[in-house]
Amino acid sequence: MPLRTRFAPSPTGLLHVGNAYSALCCMQWAELNQGLCLLRIEDIDHTRCREQYTRAILEDLTWLGLRWPEPVLKQSQRIPMYLAALEKLRQMHVIYPCFCTRRDIEDEIKRMSLAPHRDDPPPDYPGTCRRLSPAEQQEKMEQQPFAWRLDVAQALSMLSSPLTWQDDRGGIHPAIVDHDVVIGRRDIGISYHLAVVVDDAEQGITHIIRGEDLRDSIPIHRLLQSLLGLPEPVYIHHRLVRDSAGNRIAKRHAGTTLRSLRAMNVSPDVLRNFLLNSTDLIWPEAGI
């Protein structure tokens, strides 16, 4: 099987140097391993994604000197595929409707005398709607908007072996899913987690290369892959580009977007050389 990876940005803003580094890592890996690197536009979130940013992504990657096989996959064109996967999970009885708002979840956690684990994303779900009877679920579904949550305990009980993930050195790591994750959002019908595993399987992705900040999403992806009978990829996590204070570069750092660097006449060759050869990946405040 040919080796394949992918670079999969979401068009919610302009690409920045951190995105550029990730794209370069994916392309460099493909070249070194005689594999293929695909571009995927992860634009299922119509509440945040914009076509203007999709166009900007393609323009900026071309400026950076990167080329991709055509056609480029866009998740917004594949909604029926994701809904079919969601329906398969429903028929397996491993998902349930959830009617809770973020405030509902936070209030229940407070009642349970548990502090939220983190500010963003929302606190881990305490299982409120999992306890509803089928009749209660049906009644609420007819009256209220809802999301679909994965019943993690039920899903894990259906596996024949412990859930793990593999790194590029052959290391095997436990994949621990400790709360019921939303895989069908109430606003867009599906979630990033479900769409990603469906697309990775469809595109024959063998190696997933991305920032170390996304390591926590592996367990839920591995669980969905196991439930849906999808291939298991190898996971590789690269370092993050950070500012002088140690904060990772994000879309809010306007001066680090590829569009702003182009406007300042920064050479794409200079940018590529800096990102691929920097020992600390600290973005200089004065630019490059």
Protein backbone atom coordinates (compact mmCIF):
# COMPACT_ATOMS: atom_id res chain seq x y z
CA MET A 1 0.00 0.00 0.00
CA PRO A 2 1.48 3.42 -0.93
CA LEU A 3 2.24 5.71 2.01
CA ARG A 4 -0.04 8.71 2.31
CA THR A 5 -0.44 11.65 4.63
CA ARG A 6 -2.52 14.83 4.46
CA PHE A 7 -2.52 18.47 5.42
CA ALA A 8 -6.03 19.41 6.52
CA PRO A 9 -6.61 23.08 7.40
CA SER A 10 -9.97 24.57 8.35
CA PRO A 11 -10.91 27.78 6.49
CA THR A 12 -11.80 29.78 9.59
CA GLY A 13 -9.03 32.33 9.05
CA LEU A 14 -5.77 32.94 7.22
CA LEU A 15 -2.90 30.46 7.37
CA HIS A 16 -0.10 31.44 9.73
CA VAL A 17 3.51 30.26 10.09
CA GLY A 18 2.44 27.43 12.39
CA ASN A 19 0.14 26.10 9.67
CA ALA A 20 2.95 26.53 7.15
CA TYR A 21 5.30 24.48 9.32
CA SER A 22 2.74 21.67 9.56
CA ALA A 23 2.20 21.68 5.80
CA LEU A 24 5.96 21.59 5.20
CA CYS A 25 6.38 18.69 7.66
CA CYS A 26 3.71 16.71 5.81
CA MET A 27 5.24 17.41 2.41
CA GLN A 28 8.80 16.72 3.57
CA TRP A 29 7.73 13.39 5.10
CA ALA A 30 6.04 12.37 1.84
CA GLU A 31 9.14 13.24 -0.17
CA LEU A 32 11.50 11.38 2.17
CA ASN A 33 9.29 8.28 2.20
CA GLN A 34 8.34 8.31 -1.50
CA GLY A 35 4.75 8.80 -0.42
CA LEU A 36 1.95 11.16 -1.28
CA CYS A 37 0.72 14.23 0.59
CA LEU A 38 -2.89 15.28 0.02
CA LEU A 39 -4.63 18.55 0.80
CA ARG A 40 -8.02 18.40 2.51
CA ILE A 41 -10.19 21.41 3.33
CA GLU A 42 -12.04 20.70 6.57
CA ASP A 43 -14.98 23.06 6.11
CA ILE A 44 -17.94 21.25 7.63
CA ASP A 45 -18.50 23.98 10.24
CA HIS A 46 -20.63 26.39 8.23
CA THR A 47 -20.92 28.64 11.29
CA ARG A 48 -17.21 29.52 11.11
CA CYS A 49 -15.74 28.45 7.77
CA ARG A 50 -15.69 30.89 4.86
CA GLU A 51 -15.07 30.32 1.14
CA GLN A 52 -12.80 33.37 1.07
CA TYR A 53 -10.45 31.59 3.48
CA THR A 54 -10.50 28.45 1.34
CA ARG A 55 -9.32 30.53 -1.62
CA ALA A 56 -6.69 32.17 0.57
CA ILE A 57 -5.40 28.78 1.76
CA LEU A 58 -4.87 27.61 -1.82
CA GLU A 59 -3.18 30.86 -2.80
CA ASP A 60 -0.89 30.90 0.25
CA LEU A 61 0.20 27.28 -0.17
CA THR A 62 0.99 27.95 -3.82
CA TRP A 63 3.06 30.99 -2.77
CA LEU A 64 4.88 28.77 -0.26
CA GLY A 65 5.86 26.54 -3.15
CA LEU A 66 3.71 23.52 -2.31
CA ARG A 67 1.71 21.50 -4.83
CA TRP A 68 -1.06 18.98 -4.21
CA PRO A 69 -2.83 16.27 -6.22
CA GLU A 70 -6.16 17.40 -7.61
CA PRO A 71 -9.00 17.46 -6.91
CA VAL A 72 -8.69 18.77 -3.35
CA LEU A 73 -11.21 17.09 -1.05
CA LYS A 74 -13.66 19.44 0.69
CA GLN A 75 -15.57 18.06 3.63
CA SER A 76 -18.60 20.26 2.91
CA GLN A 77 -19.18 18.14 -0.21
CA ARG A 78 -19.21 14.86 1.71
CA ILE A 79 -21.91 15.36 4.35
CA PRO A 80 -23.92 12.26 3.27
CA MET A 81 -20.85 10.07 3.94
CA TYR A 82 -20.56 11.35 7.49
CA LEU A 83 -24.29 11.01 8.16
CA ALA A 84 -24.14 7.40 6.95
CA ALA A 85 -21.34 6.69 9.45
CA LEU A 86 -23.38 8.35 12.20
CA GLU A 87 -26.37 6.18 11.31
CA LYS A 88 -24.20 3.07 11.45
CA LEU A 89 -23.15 3.99 14.99
CA ARG A 90 -26.79 4.61 15.91
CA GLN A 91 -27.74 1.16 14.68
CA MET A 92 -24.92 -0.27 16.80
CA HIS A 93 -26.53 1.41 19.86
CA VAL A 94 -23.34 3.21 20.82
CA ILE A 95 -24.65 6.77 20.52
CA TYR A 96 -27.47 8.59 22.27
CA PRO A 97 -29.19 11.99 21.87
CA CYS A 98 -27.95 14.71 24.20
CA PHE A 99 -30.11 17.75 24.95
CA CYS A 100 -27.71 19.53 27.30
CA THR A 101 -26.36 22.99 26.69
CA ARG A 102 -22.87 23.99 27.81
CA ARG A 103 -24.43 25.73 30.82
CA ASP A 104 -26.38 22.56 31.70
CA ILE A 105 -23.14 20.57 31.73
CA GLU A 106 -21.29 23.12 33.83
CA ASP A 107 -24.18 23.31 36.32
CA GLU A 108 -24.33 19.55 36.75
CA ILE A 109 -20.59 19.35 37.29
CA LYS A 110 -20.92 22.00 40.01
CA ARG A 111 -23.73 20.03 41.63
CA MET A 112 -21.47 16.99 41.62
CA SER A 113 -18.79 19.12 43.36
CA LEU A 114 -16.40 18.64 40.45
CA ALA A 115 -14.40 21.49 39.00
CA PRO A 116 -14.25 21.76 35.19
CA HIS A 117 -11.08 20.18 33.82
CA ARG A 118 -10.32 23.04 31.45
CA ASP A 119 -11.75 26.26 30.09
CA ASP A 120 -11.67 25.37 26.41
CA PRO A 121 -13.15 23.04 25.21
CA PRO A 122 -16.18 22.67 27.53
CA PRO A 123 -15.94 20.50 30.65
CA ASP A 124 -16.04 16.73 30.32
CA TYR A 125 -19.61 15.52 30.00
CA PRO A 126 -21.04 13.94 33.19
CA GLY A 127 -23.46 11.60 31.40
CA THR A 128 -26.77 13.36 32.06
CA CYS A 129 -28.69 12.24 28.95
CA ARG A 130 -27.18 8.76 28.92
CA ARG A 131 -29.54 7.94 31.78
CA LEU A 132 -32.71 8.80 29.84
CA SER A 133 -35.01 5.94 28.87
CA PRO A 134 -35.77 5.31 25.18
CA ALA A 135 -39.23 6.79 25.69
CA GLU A 136 -37.80 9.92 27.31
CA GLN A 137 -35.27 10.25 24.51
CA GLN A 138 -37.94 10.00 21.83
CA GLU A 139 -40.18 12.55 23.53
CA LYS A 140 -37.36 15.05 23.88
CA MET A 141 -36.14 14.47 20.31
CA GLU A 142 -39.57 15.53 19.04
CA GLN A 143 -39.45 18.76 21.02
CA GLN A 144 -35.83 19.90 21.41
CA PRO A 145 -32.65 20.23 19.36
CA PHE A 146 -30.03 17.66 20.28
CA ALA A 147 -26.54 16.42 19.64
CA TRP A 148 -25.37 12.82 19.33
CA ARG A 149 -22.91 11.57 21.96
CA LEU A 150 -20.86 8.42 21.89
CA ASP A 151 -21.60 6.06 24.79
CA VAL A 152 -17.95 5.36 25.48
CA ALA A 153 -18.47 2.59 28.04
CA GLN A 154 -20.79 0.74 25.68
CA ALA A 155 -18.47 1.29 22.72
CA LEU A 156 -15.40 0.03 24.58
CA SER A 157 -17.29 -3.06 25.72
CA MET A 158 -17.73 -4.04 22.05
CA LEU A 159 -14.01 -4.12 21.31
CA SER A 160 -12.14 -7.42 21.32
CA SER A 161 -8.85 -5.93 22.54
CA PRO A 162 -7.59 -2.86 24.43
CA LEU A 163 -7.63 0.38 22.45
CA THR A 164 -4.16 1.62 21.43
CA TRP A 165 -2.42 3.87 18.92
CA GLN A 166 0.91 3.51 17.13
CA ASP A 167 3.65 6.09 16.59
CA ASP A 168 6.14 6.22 13.73
CA ARG A 169 8.81 4.38 15.75
CA GLY A 170 6.55 1.38 16.25
CA GLY A 171 5.67 2.33 19.80
CA ILE A 172 2.24 1.26 21.03
CA HIS A 173 0.39 3.60 23.39
CA PRO A 174 -2.88 3.19 25.31
CA ALA A 175 -5.77 5.19 23.89
CA ILE A 176 -7.94 6.28 26.81
CA VAL A 177 -11.35 7.82 26.21
CA ASP A 178 -12.73 8.96 29.54
CA HIS A 179 -16.00 10.76 28.71
CA ASP A 180 -18.86 10.68 26.21
CA VAL A 181 -17.78 12.83 23.26
CA VAL A 182 -20.12 14.67 20.87
CA ILE A 183 -19.83 13.18 17.40
CA GLY A 184 -22.98 14.74 15.94
CA ARG A 185 -23.17 18.45 16.69
CA ARG A 186 -26.63 19.96 17.00
CA ASP A 187 -25.75 22.93 14.76
CA ILE A 188 -24.05 21.16 11.84
CA GLY A 189 -25.20 17.55 12.32
CA ILE A 190 -21.76 15.95 12.56
CA SER A 191 -18.44 16.57 14.28
CA TYR A 192 -14.81 16.99 13.34
CA HIS A 193 -13.96 13.65 14.96
CA LEU A 194 -16.34 11.61 12.82
CA ALA A 195 -15.61 13.43 9.56
CA VAL A 196 -11.86 13.06 9.99
CA VAL A 197 -11.83 9.29 10.48
CA VAL A 198 -14.21 8.75 7.56
CA ASP A 199 -12.05 10.89 5.27
CA ASP A 200 -8.74 9.37 6.39
CA ALA A 201 -10.07 5.92 5.51
CA GLU A 202 -11.59 7.09 2.20
CA GLN A 203 -8.31 8.73 1.14
CA GLY A 204 -6.11 5.83 2.23
CA ILE A 205 -4.16 7.90 4.77
CA THR A 206 -1.48 5.72 6.36
CA HIS A 207 0.31 8.39 8.45
CA ILE A 208 -1.24 11.36 10.23
CA ILE A 209 1.24 14.20 10.78
CA ARG A 210 0.13 17.16 12.87
CA GLY A 211 1.02 19.36 15.84
CA GLU A 212 1.63 17.92 19.28
CA ASP A 213 -1.33 19.96 20.58
CA LEU A 214 -3.70 17.54 18.80
CA ARG A 215 -2.43 14.44 20.56
CA ASP A 216 -5.49 14.32 22.84
CA SER A 217 -7.83 13.65 19.91
CA ILE A 218 -6.19 10.30 19.07
CA PRO A 219 -8.17 8.10 21.50
CA ILE A 220 -11.60 9.13 20.22
CA HIS A 221 -10.42 8.74 16.62
CA ARG A 222 -9.07 5.29 17.36
CA LEU A 223 -12.34 4.30 19.03
CA LEU A 224 -14.37 5.47 16.04
CA GLN A 225 -12.02 3.68 13.64
CA SER A 226 -12.42 0.46 15.59
CA LEU A 227 -16.21 0.71 15.76
CA LEU A 228 -16.56 1.51 12.05
CA GLY A 229 -14.02 -1.08 10.90
CA LEU A 230 -11.66 1.53 9.45
CA PRO A 231 -7.88 1.14 9.01
CA GLU A 232 -5.55 2.28 11.79
CA PRO A 233 -3.06 4.96 10.69
CA VAL A 234 0.30 5.75 12.28
CA TYR A 235 0.45 9.03 14.21
CA ILE A 236 3.34 11.51 14.09
CA HIS A 237 3.34 14.74 16.13
CA HIS A 238 5.63 17.63 15.33
CA ARG A 239 6.73 20.58 17.46
CA LEU A 240 4.78 23.85 17.46
CA VAL A 241 5.97 27.24 16.28
CA ARG A 242 5.89 29.55 19.32
CA ASP A 243 6.44 33.20 20.10
CA SER A 244 9.15 34.50 22.40
CA ALA A 245 6.87 34.02 25.43
CA GLY A 246 6.41 30.35 24.62
CA ASN A 247 2.84 30.64 23.34
CA ARG A 248 1.96 28.71 20.21
CA ILE A 249 1.33 30.79 17.12
CA ALA A 250 -2.40 30.97 16.35
CA LYS A 251 -4.73 32.67 13.87
CA ARG A 252 -5.11 35.65 16.19
CA HIS A 253 -1.44 36.55 15.59
CA ALA A 254 -2.09 38.66 12.49
CA GLY A 255 1.55 39.48 11.85
CA THR A 256 2.40 35.83 11.36
CA THR A 257 -0.08 35.05 8.59
CA LEU A 258 1.33 34.05 5.24
CA ARG A 259 -0.74 36.82 3.68
CA SER A 260 0.95 39.46 5.86
CA LEU A 261 4.41 38.00 5.15
CA ARG A 262 3.71 38.16 1.42
CA ALA A 263 2.72 41.82 1.81
CA MET A 264 6.06 42.45 3.55
CA ASN A 265 7.87 40.85 0.59
CA VAL A 266 9.21 37.96 2.67
CA SER A 267 10.66 35.33 0.35
CA PRO A 268 8.90 31.94 0.52
CA ASP A 269 12.35 30.34 0.23
CA VAL A 270 13.52 32.21 3.33
CA LEU A 271 10.38 31.20 5.22
CA ARG A 272 10.71 27.53 4.27
CA ASN A 273 14.39 27.51 5.24
CA PHE A 274 13.66 29.10 8.62
CA LEU A 275 10.82 26.72 9.49
CA LEU A 276 12.57 23.53 8.39
CA ASN A 277 15.96 24.39 9.91
CA SER A 278 15.12 26.29 13.10
CA THR A 279 16.41 24.56 16.23
CA ASP A 280 13.84 26.08 18.61
CA LEU A 281 10.95 27.10 16.31
CA ILE A 282 10.64 30.46 18.08
CA TRP A 283 9.18 33.06 15.74
CA PRO A 284 11.35 36.20 15.92
CA GLU A 285 9.45 39.33 16.99
CA ALA A 286 11.26 41.35 14.34
CA GLY A 287 10.36 38.87 11.61
CA ILE A 288 12.73 36.95 9.38
